[in-house]
Amino acid sequence: MNPLPSLWGDASPSRLLGSRHIATGELVFPALPAHSPLADQYRTEALAGEGVLYSFTLIHPGPKSGLAPFALGYLDLEGPVRLFGRIDGSERPLIGASYRVVPNETYGYLFESVEARP
């Protein structure tokens, strides 16, 4: 049995789970596990499914790795909460553009462009 909570809620479409502090309203990601000494001070809730790209960087792995370049970025969600993750797609990311958070078996989640850009 895995003692850590799942990153994803059961609702459809899937949404990442965070924890909101009952007294202050601060939202944190990932959700606190039930066995945390602070768990009684937080309630688990689903995060927004879409956000705005705050910043990104392009990673160019060495030629011997055989990996293609990829982007990592920060996505601002309502709450507020800022997530760091891999950006899906071959197009250059655009700061200020809308991205959705989607499940991924390898990384847990990815950011996917909401609109295809010309």
C-alpha atoms as a PDB file:
ATOM      1  CA  MET A   1       0.000   0.000   0.000  1.00  0.00           C
ATOM      2  CA  ASN A   2       1.302   3.443  -0.953  1.00  0.00           C
ATOM      3  CA  PRO A   3       1.184   5.792   2.085  1.00  0.00           C
ATOM      4  CA  LEU A   4       1.381   8.880  -0.145  1.00  0.00           C
ATOM      5  CA  PRO A   5      -1.796  10.405  -1.547  1.00  0.00           C
ATOM      6  CA  SER A   6      -2.547  10.301  -5.246  1.00  0.00           C
ATOM      7  CA  LEU A   7      -1.811  13.474  -7.178  1.00  0.00           C
ATOM      8  CA  TRP A   8      -5.178  13.103  -8.938  1.00  0.00           C
ATOM      9  CA  GLY A   9      -8.787  13.236  -7.764  1.00  0.00           C
ATOM     10  CA  ASP A  10     -11.505  10.801  -8.826  1.00  0.00           C
ATOM     11  CA  ALA A  11     -13.621  13.358 -10.717  1.00  0.00           C
ATOM     12  CA  SER A  12     -13.798  13.456 -14.489  1.00  0.00           C
ATOM     13  CA  PRO A  13     -11.974  15.205 -16.038  1.00  0.00           C
ATOM     14  CA  SER A  14      -9.087  14.408 -13.707  1.00  0.00           C
ATOM     15  CA  ARG A  15      -7.825  17.274 -11.568  1.00  0.00           C
ATOM     16  CA  LEU A  16      -4.718  17.531  -9.414  1.00  0.00           C
ATOM     17  CA  LEU A  17      -5.323  17.616  -5.662  1.00  0.00           C
ATOM     18  CA  GLY A  18      -3.992  20.255  -3.290  1.00  0.00           C
ATOM     19  CA  SER A  19      -4.537  21.127   0.347  1.00  0.00           C
ATOM     20  CA  ARG A  20      -6.077  24.377   1.604  1.00  0.00           C
ATOM     21  CA  HIS A  21      -5.200  25.625   5.082  1.00  0.00           C
ATOM     22  CA  ILE A  22      -8.470  26.000   7.000  1.00  0.00           C
ATOM     23  CA  ALA A  23      -7.417  29.108   8.976  1.00  0.00           C
ATOM     24  CA  THR A  24      -5.486  31.076   6.331  1.00  0.00           C
ATOM     25  CA  GLY A  25      -6.884  29.770   3.021  1.00  0.00           C
ATOM     26  CA  GLU A  26      -3.358  29.121   1.683  1.00  0.00           C
ATOM     27  CA  LEU A  27      -3.373  26.474  -1.048  1.00  0.00           C
ATOM     28  CA  VAL A  28      -0.441  24.057  -1.367  1.00  0.00           C
ATOM     29  CA  PHE A  29       0.493  21.329  -3.830  1.00  0.00           C
ATOM     30  CA  PRO A  30       0.699  18.379  -3.557  1.00  0.00           C
ATOM     31  CA  ALA A  31      -2.036  17.498  -1.085  1.00  0.00           C
ATOM     32  CA  LEU A  32      -0.872  16.630   2.423  1.00  0.00           C
ATOM     33  CA  PRO A  33      -1.043  12.914   3.242  1.00  0.00           C
ATOM     34  CA  ALA A  34      -3.584  11.853   5.879  1.00  0.00           C
ATOM     35  CA  HIS A  35      -0.759  10.759   8.229  1.00  0.00           C
ATOM     36  CA  SER A  36       0.824  14.242   8.258  1.00  0.00           C
ATOM     37  CA  PRO A  37       0.835  15.895  11.695  1.00  0.00           C
ATOM     38  CA  LEU A  38      -0.649  18.966   9.956  1.00  0.00           C
ATOM     39  CA  ALA A  39      -3.441  17.097   8.136  1.00  0.00           C
ATOM     40  CA  ASP A  40      -6.176  18.249  10.537  1.00  0.00           C
ATOM     41  CA  GLN A  41      -5.345  21.878   9.662  1.00  0.00           C
ATOM     42  CA  TYR A  42      -5.954  21.359   5.913  1.00  0.00           C
ATOM     43  CA  ARG A  43      -8.740  20.167   3.652  1.00  0.00           C
ATOM     44  CA  THR A  44      -8.068  18.449   0.322  1.00  0.00           C
ATOM     45  CA  GLU A  45      -9.511  20.047  -2.805  1.00  0.00           C
ATOM     46  CA  ALA A  46      -9.173  19.802  -6.566  1.00  0.00           C
ATOM     47  CA  LEU A  47      -6.985  22.397  -8.259  1.00  0.00           C
ATOM     48  CA  ALA A  48      -8.048  24.334 -11.333  1.00  0.00           C
ATOM     49  CA  GLY A  49      -7.584  22.323 -14.531  1.00  0.00           C
ATOM     50  CA  GLU A  50      -6.180  25.206 -16.576  1.00  0.00           C
ATOM     51  CA  GLY A  51      -3.766  28.024 -15.932  1.00  0.00           C
ATOM     52  CA  VAL A  52      -1.493  30.632 -17.488  1.00  0.00           C
ATOM     53  CA  LEU A  53       2.149  29.961 -18.334  1.00  0.00           C
ATOM     54  CA  TYR A  54       4.291  32.159 -16.076  1.00  0.00           C
ATOM     55  CA  SER A  55       7.746  31.188 -17.361  1.00  0.00           C
ATOM     56  CA  PHE A  56       9.576  28.384 -19.161  1.00  0.00           C
ATOM     57  CA  THR A  57      12.976  27.130 -20.206  1.00  0.00           C
ATOM     58  CA  LEU A  58      14.051  24.884 -23.073  1.00  0.00           C
ATOM     59  CA  ILE A  59      16.226  21.911 -22.205  1.00  0.00           C
ATOM     60  CA  HIS A  60      18.659  20.600 -24.844  1.00  0.00           C
ATOM     61  CA  PRO A  61      19.914  17.167 -23.720  1.00  0.00           C
ATOM     62  CA  GLY A  62      23.343  16.085 -24.933  1.00  0.00           C
ATOM     63  CA  PRO A  63      23.506  14.267 -28.281  1.00  0.00           C
ATOM     64  CA  LYS A  64      24.580  10.996 -26.625  1.00  0.00           C
ATOM     65  CA  SER A  65      21.353  10.901 -24.586  1.00  0.00           C
ATOM     66  CA  GLY A  66      19.225  10.463 -27.693  1.00  0.00           C
ATOM     67  CA  LEU A  67      16.569  12.726 -26.152  1.00  0.00           C
ATOM     68  CA  ALA A  68      14.858  15.508 -28.084  1.00  0.00           C
ATOM     69  CA  PRO A  69      14.769  19.042 -26.649  1.00  0.00           C
ATOM     70  CA  PHE A  70      11.839  19.697 -24.292  1.00  0.00           C
ATOM     71  CA  ALA A  71      10.370  22.542 -22.248  1.00  0.00           C
ATOM     72  CA  LEU A  72       9.820  22.921 -18.515  1.00  0.00           C
ATOM     73  CA  GLY A  73       7.707  25.703 -17.089  1.00  0.00           C
ATOM     74  CA  TYR A  74       5.725  27.274 -14.290  1.00  0.00           C
ATOM     75  CA  LEU A  75       1.940  27.370 -14.628  1.00  0.00           C
ATOM     76  CA  ASP A  76      -0.168  29.724 -12.493  1.00  0.00           C
ATOM     77  CA  LEU A  77      -3.519  28.242 -11.443  1.00  0.00           C
ATOM     78  CA  GLU A  78      -6.399  29.889  -9.598  1.00  0.00           C
ATOM     79  CA  GLY A  79      -6.038  29.464  -5.892  1.00  0.00           C
ATOM     80  CA  PRO A  80      -3.384  30.837  -6.260  1.00  0.00           C
ATOM     81  CA  VAL A  81      -0.917  28.031  -6.779  1.00  0.00           C
ATOM     82  CA  ARG A  82       2.089  27.777  -9.127  1.00  0.00           C
ATOM     83  CA  LEU A  83       3.073  24.378 -10.545  1.00  0.00           C
ATOM     84  CA  PHE A  84       6.362  23.349 -12.132  1.00  0.00           C
ATOM     85  CA  GLY A  85       6.279  20.721 -14.843  1.00  0.00           C
ATOM     86  CA  ARG A  86       7.017  19.522 -18.331  1.00  0.00           C
ATOM     87  CA  ILE A  87       5.288  21.248 -21.241  1.00  0.00           C
ATOM     88  CA  ASP A  88       3.916  18.861 -23.868  1.00  0.00           C
ATOM     89  CA  GLY A  89       4.213  19.555 -27.583  1.00  0.00           C
ATOM     90  CA  SER A  90       6.787  20.474 -30.168  1.00  0.00           C
ATOM     91  CA  GLU A  91       5.891  24.178 -30.469  1.00  0.00           C
ATOM     92  CA  ARG A  92       7.772  26.808 -28.499  1.00  0.00           C
ATOM     93  CA  PRO A  93       5.737  27.651 -25.353  1.00  0.00           C
ATOM     94  CA  LEU A  94       4.228  31.119 -25.046  1.00  0.00           C
ATOM     95  CA  ILE A  95       4.319  33.030 -21.757  1.00  0.00           C
ATOM     96  CA  GLY A  96       0.800  34.217 -20.889  1.00  0.00           C
ATOM     97  CA  ALA A  97      -0.872  31.469 -22.933  1.00  0.00           C
ATOM     98  CA  SER A  98      -3.421  29.066 -21.434  1.00  0.00           C
ATOM     99  CA  TYR A  99      -2.374  25.492 -20.677  1.00  0.00           C
ATOM    100  CA  ARG A 100      -4.274  22.584 -19.125  1.00  0.00           C
ATOM    101  CA  VAL A 101      -2.865  20.077 -16.662  1.00  0.00           C
ATOM    102  CA  VAL A 102      -3.183  16.502 -17.966  1.00  0.00           C
ATOM    103  CA  PRO A 103      -2.201  13.134 -16.421  1.00  0.00           C
ATOM    104  CA  ASN A 104       1.022  11.484 -17.548  1.00  0.00           C
ATOM    105  CA  GLU A 105       2.327   8.055 -16.490  1.00  0.00           C
ATOM    106  CA  THR A 106       5.988   9.073 -16.640  1.00  0.00           C
ATOM    107  CA  TYR A 107       5.930  12.515 -15.000  1.00  0.00           C
ATOM    108  CA  GLY A 108       2.641  12.473 -13.076  1.00  0.00           C
ATOM    109  CA  TYR A 109       1.300  15.418 -15.068  1.00  0.00           C
ATOM    110  CA  LEU A 110       2.101  17.583 -18.105  1.00  0.00           C
ATOM    111  CA  PHE A 111       1.040  21.014 -19.325  1.00  0.00           C
ATOM    112  CA  GLU A 112      -0.762  20.932 -22.664  1.00  0.00           C
ATOM    113  CA  SER A 113      -1.649  24.003 -24.752  1.00  0.00           C
ATOM    114  CA  VAL A 114      -5.371  24.829 -24.609  1.00  0.00           C
ATOM    115  CA  GLU A 115      -5.334  26.357 -28.096  1.00  0.00           C
ATOM    116  CA  ALA A 116      -3.225  25.373 -31.068  1.00  0.00           C
ATOM    117  CA  ARG A 117      -1.182  28.384 -32.141  1.00  0.00           C
ATOM    118  CA  PRO A 118      -0.601  29.212 -35.823  1.00  0.00           C
END
